[in-house]
Amino acid sequence: MTKKRVTTTLFIALVVLTLISCCFLGSTFARYVSGGNGAASVNVAKWEITGAEGTDSIEIDWDQKLSPAMAKYNGSSDAAPTDRVALLAEKDVATLANNGGVDATITITISGIEINGGTAPSYGAGLAVDANGWLTTAPTEAEVEQLFVMSLSVQKDSESAVTVNADATNGGTYSVTLAPGESLTIKMNLSWKSADNYYYTQSSNDHAAAEDLSDALDTWVGENVTSLGWTLSYIAEQASELPNT
């Protein structure tokens, strides 16, 4: 009888322990568990400089022709003459715009002017004329090169325009930084100035000689030079970064 009670008691105790253990196991393996996915992204700052058809060169169709000024030689007494100037109408070249998201430094470069489009005329040892004003020798290349000047007008939005000059021996460069949304306009002039002052000095301030030589040089150019050429180019470089630190 006693043995039976002990067995029953042990069985009941075992059942109780088992139930208690299941409670602990249940709390371990049946708890709430949730999961999920997330994503993050960052936009890339846009880079877009427009205005020259996506290239770094600017082609200009300048279909005008240039001739020397018709004005008469204006030297008088001992005063040095003022060079006569013929000027082409101003030409709109390009508008460069920063449509990107960071600053851009724009560098514009204009080359020296090429006489006759790169094919040199037959120059001489130095211009000379006879008593009737006719040429006896051809001018040097330097004498011809001094006649032509290219003037570049570069303007950032409403700011004052900056002038960049180039001639047959020297080019010019201009740099400016554009913030997003800002733009740059480029205009150009080409002039043909007489050599009045040059020959006035070369002939020991002789007005008559200076006038004859200057007019003879203009005539020689009209007979021997067919065109003028130059190159205008730009490069845009990043000038700020995001995020700003």
Protein backbone atom coordinates (compact mmCIF):
# COMPACT_ATOMS: atom_id res chain seq x y z
CA MET A 1 0.00 0.00 0.00
CA THR A 2 2.76 2.38 0.96
CA LYS A 3 4.72 1.46 -2.11
CA LYS A 4 1.74 2.22 -4.30
CA ARG A 5 1.32 5.69 -2.75
CA VAL A 6 4.95 6.49 -3.30
CA THR A 7 4.67 5.47 -6.92
CA THR A 8 1.56 7.54 -7.38
CA THR A 9 3.20 10.50 -5.70
CA LEU A 10 6.28 10.21 -7.90
CA PHE A 11 4.11 9.96 -11.01
CA ILE A 12 2.17 13.05 -10.06
CA ALA A 13 5.40 14.91 -9.31
CA LEU A 14 6.82 13.87 -12.68
CA VAL A 15 3.71 15.12 -14.49
CA VAL A 16 3.91 18.43 -12.64
CA LEU A 17 7.60 18.85 -13.49
CA THR A 18 6.89 17.99 -17.12
CA LEU A 19 4.15 20.61 -17.34
CA ILE A 20 6.38 23.17 -15.68
CA SER A 21 9.17 22.34 -18.15
CA CYS A 22 6.79 22.70 -21.09
CA CYS A 23 5.89 26.17 -19.88
CA PHE A 24 9.55 27.18 -19.99
CA LEU A 25 10.11 25.55 -23.38
CA GLY A 26 6.99 27.18 -24.73
CA SER A 27 8.23 30.62 -23.73
CA THR A 28 11.50 29.94 -25.55
CA PHE A 29 10.24 28.60 -28.87
CA ALA A 30 6.85 30.27 -29.23
CA ARG A 31 7.72 33.93 -28.65
CA TYR A 32 6.77 36.62 -31.20
CA VAL A 33 9.47 37.10 -33.90
CA SER A 34 9.16 39.63 -36.73
CA GLY A 35 11.41 40.54 -39.70
CA GLY A 36 11.53 43.03 -42.52
CA ASN A 37 13.62 44.62 -45.27
CA GLY A 38 14.69 48.24 -45.81
CA ALA A 39 16.46 50.23 -48.54
CA ALA A 40 18.44 53.50 -48.70
CA SER A 41 19.54 55.67 -51.64
CA VAL A 42 21.39 58.91 -52.39
CA ASN A 43 21.08 61.03 -55.52
CA VAL A 44 24.12 61.87 -57.65
CA ALA A 45 24.79 65.56 -58.30
CA LYS A 46 24.07 66.28 -61.95
CA TRP A 47 26.86 67.46 -64.26
CA GLU A 48 25.63 69.31 -67.33
CA ILE A 49 27.28 72.22 -69.13
CA THR A 50 25.31 73.17 -72.22
CA GLY A 51 25.61 75.67 -75.02
CA ALA A 52 28.08 74.17 -77.50
CA GLU A 53 26.24 71.04 -78.61
CA GLY A 54 27.95 68.86 -76.02
CA THR A 55 31.47 69.46 -77.31
CA ASP A 56 34.43 71.42 -76.00
CA SER A 57 34.80 73.47 -79.17
CA ILE A 58 32.67 76.24 -80.60
CA GLU A 59 32.20 76.56 -84.33
CA ILE A 60 31.41 80.04 -85.61
CA ASP A 61 29.79 80.72 -88.95
CA TRP A 62 30.92 84.28 -89.62
CA ASP A 63 29.79 84.93 -93.17
CA GLN A 64 30.78 88.61 -93.27
CA LYS A 65 33.74 90.06 -95.14
CA LEU A 66 36.18 92.58 -93.73
CA SER A 67 37.91 95.42 -95.55
CA PRO A 68 40.10 98.34 -94.42
CA ALA A 69 38.54 101.61 -93.32
CA MET A 70 37.63 104.16 -95.99
CA ALA A 71 38.60 107.11 -93.78
CA LYS A 72 41.47 109.31 -94.89
CA TYR A 73 44.80 109.48 -93.12
CA ASN A 74 44.28 111.94 -90.26
CA GLY A 75 47.77 112.98 -89.19
CA SER A 76 48.42 116.72 -88.95
CA SER A 77 51.37 118.92 -88.04
CA ASP A 78 53.55 117.09 -85.51
CA ALA A 79 50.71 115.06 -84.01
CA ALA A 80 50.89 111.32 -84.50
CA PRO A 81 48.05 109.91 -86.61
CA THR A 82 45.20 107.87 -85.17
CA ASP A 83 44.94 104.46 -86.78
CA ARG A 84 41.89 104.06 -88.97
CA VAL A 85 39.78 101.07 -87.92
CA ALA A 86 37.21 98.93 -89.72
CA LEU A 87 35.18 96.78 -87.33
CA LEU A 88 32.95 93.80 -88.04
CA ALA A 89 29.55 93.83 -86.38
CA GLU A 90 29.56 92.06 -83.02
CA LYS A 91 28.91 88.35 -83.34
CA ASP A 92 27.03 86.24 -80.78
CA VAL A 93 29.19 83.16 -80.33
CA ALA A 94 27.64 81.03 -77.59
CA THR A 95 25.86 80.92 -74.26
CA LEU A 96 27.28 78.40 -71.80
CA ALA A 97 24.96 77.37 -68.96
CA ASN A 98 25.62 75.35 -65.81
CA ASN A 99 22.55 73.11 -65.56
CA GLY A 100 24.22 70.77 -63.12
CA GLY A 101 24.21 70.46 -59.35
CA VAL A 102 27.76 71.59 -58.55
CA ASP A 103 29.84 74.66 -59.39
CA ALA A 104 31.81 74.62 -62.64
CA THR A 105 34.88 76.62 -63.59
CA ILE A 106 34.71 77.57 -67.26
CA THR A 107 37.99 78.39 -69.02
CA ILE A 108 37.68 79.97 -72.46
CA THR A 109 40.68 80.10 -74.77
CA ILE A 110 41.05 81.99 -78.04
CA SER A 111 44.05 81.26 -80.23
CA GLY A 112 46.12 83.73 -82.16
CA ILE A 113 44.74 84.78 -85.54
CA GLU A 114 45.98 82.79 -88.51
CA ILE A 115 46.50 84.87 -91.64
CA ASN A 116 44.99 83.35 -94.77
CA GLY A 117 43.57 80.41 -92.84
CA GLY A 118 46.95 78.82 -92.22
CA THR A 119 48.38 79.17 -95.74
CA ALA A 120 50.86 82.03 -95.57
CA PRO A 121 51.01 84.60 -98.39
CA SER A 122 54.35 85.38 -100.02
CA TYR A 123 55.88 87.88 -97.61
CA GLY A 124 58.91 90.04 -98.32
CA ALA A 125 61.74 91.76 -96.49
CA GLY A 126 59.67 94.81 -95.65
CA LEU A 127 57.11 97.03 -97.34
CA ALA A 128 58.43 99.77 -99.63
CA VAL A 129 56.82 102.02 -102.24
CA ASP A 130 58.12 104.13 -105.11
CA ALA A 131 57.52 107.82 -105.70
CA ASN A 132 54.08 107.09 -107.11
CA GLY A 133 53.03 105.00 -104.11
CA TRP A 134 53.36 101.66 -105.89
CA LEU A 135 54.78 98.69 -104.04
CA THR A 136 58.39 97.81 -104.75
CA THR A 137 58.79 95.08 -102.07
CA ALA A 138 56.30 92.98 -100.12
CA PRO A 139 55.71 93.46 -96.36
CA THR A 140 57.04 91.17 -93.67
CA GLU A 141 54.68 88.80 -91.90
CA ALA A 142 54.86 90.98 -88.77
CA GLU A 143 53.74 94.05 -90.72
CA VAL A 144 50.60 92.23 -91.82
CA GLU A 145 49.91 90.58 -88.48
CA GLN A 146 49.68 93.90 -86.64
CA LEU A 147 46.61 94.90 -88.62
CA PHE A 148 44.12 92.44 -87.11
CA VAL A 149 42.76 92.25 -83.57
CA MET A 150 40.12 89.89 -82.19
CA SER A 151 38.07 91.09 -79.23
CA LEU A 152 36.12 88.63 -77.10
CA SER A 153 33.38 89.91 -74.77
CA VAL A 154 32.59 87.44 -71.97
CA GLN A 155 29.73 88.18 -69.56
CA LYS A 156 28.47 86.19 -66.59
CA ASP A 157 24.72 86.81 -66.20
CA SER A 158 24.21 90.48 -65.26
CA GLU A 159 27.82 91.16 -64.24
CA SER A 160 30.05 93.51 -66.22
CA ALA A 161 31.51 92.06 -69.41
CA VAL A 162 35.21 91.17 -69.54
CA THR A 163 37.22 91.74 -72.72
CA VAL A 164 39.76 89.20 -73.95
CA ASN A 165 41.93 90.28 -76.87
CA ALA A 166 43.89 88.20 -79.36
CA ASP A 167 46.00 89.10 -82.35
CA ALA A 168 48.05 87.15 -84.86
CA THR A 169 50.81 86.36 -82.37
CA ASN A 170 48.99 86.18 -79.03
CA GLY A 171 45.90 84.39 -77.85
CA GLY A 172 43.89 85.02 -74.70
CA THR A 173 42.34 83.05 -71.83
CA TYR A 174 39.50 83.82 -69.43
CA SER A 175 38.21 81.74 -66.49
CA VAL A 176 35.08 82.14 -64.38
CA THR A 177 33.16 79.93 -61.94
CA LEU A 178 29.46 79.34 -62.56
CA ALA A 179 27.16 78.20 -59.79
CA PRO A 180 24.25 75.90 -60.72
CA GLY A 181 21.77 77.92 -62.77
CA GLU A 182 24.27 80.59 -63.87
CA SER A 183 25.28 81.20 -67.48
CA LEU A 184 27.96 82.87 -69.56
CA THR A 185 27.52 84.69 -72.87
CA ILE A 186 30.33 85.10 -75.40
CA LYS A 187 30.44 87.74 -78.13
CA MET A 188 33.18 88.55 -80.59
CA ASN A 189 34.51 91.44 -82.67
CA LEU A 190 37.19 91.49 -85.34
CA SER A 191 38.91 94.70 -86.43
CA TRP A 192 41.25 95.72 -89.24
CA LYS A 193 43.27 98.74 -88.21
CA SER A 194 45.59 100.69 -90.44
CA ALA A 195 49.34 100.84 -89.85
CA ASP A 196 49.36 104.65 -89.78
CA ASN A 197 51.05 104.96 -86.40
CA TYR A 198 53.50 102.18 -87.13
CA TYR A 199 54.78 103.70 -90.36
CA TYR A 200 54.71 107.22 -88.90
CA THR A 201 57.21 106.04 -86.31
CA GLN A 202 59.22 103.97 -88.80
CA SER A 203 59.55 106.91 -91.20
CA SER A 204 60.80 109.37 -88.52
CA ASN A 205 57.41 111.05 -88.18
CA ASP A 206 56.96 111.62 -91.90
CA HIS A 207 53.21 111.86 -92.48
CA ALA A 208 53.39 111.56 -96.26
CA ALA A 209 55.53 108.41 -96.10
CA ALA A 210 53.34 106.90 -93.38
CA GLU A 211 50.19 107.47 -95.42
CA ASP A 212 51.66 105.96 -98.57
CA LEU A 213 52.98 102.88 -96.75
CA SER A 214 49.83 102.31 -94.72
CA ASP A 215 47.54 102.50 -97.75
CA ALA A 216 49.92 100.29 -99.74
CA LEU A 217 49.90 97.67 -96.99
CA ASP A 218 46.09 97.57 -96.91
CA THR A 219 46.07 97.12 -100.68
CA TRP A 220 48.66 94.33 -100.48
CA VAL A 221 46.52 92.50 -97.89
CA GLY A 222 43.44 92.79 -100.10
CA GLU A 223 45.41 91.26 -102.97
CA ASN A 224 47.23 88.50 -101.05
CA VAL A 225 45.24 87.52 -97.97
CA THR A 226 42.05 85.56 -98.54
CA SER A 227 40.90 84.78 -95.00
CA LEU A 228 41.58 84.97 -91.28
CA GLY A 229 41.20 82.04 -88.94
CA TRP A 230 41.30 81.33 -85.21
CA THR A 231 40.15 78.73 -82.70
CA LEU A 232 37.84 79.32 -79.76
CA SER A 233 37.45 76.54 -77.19
CA TYR A 234 36.31 76.02 -73.62
CA ILE A 235 36.71 73.48 -70.85
CA ALA A 236 34.47 73.05 -67.80
CA GLU A 237 35.81 71.61 -64.53
CA GLN A 238 34.02 70.75 -61.30
CA ALA A 239 34.54 73.48 -58.70
CA SER A 240 32.55 72.28 -55.68
CA GLU A 241 31.38 69.01 -54.16
CA LEU A 242 28.33 67.68 -52.35
CA PRO A 243 27.68 67.38 -49.51
CA ASN A 244 29.35 70.67 -48.65
CA THR A 245 31.69 70.25 -45.70
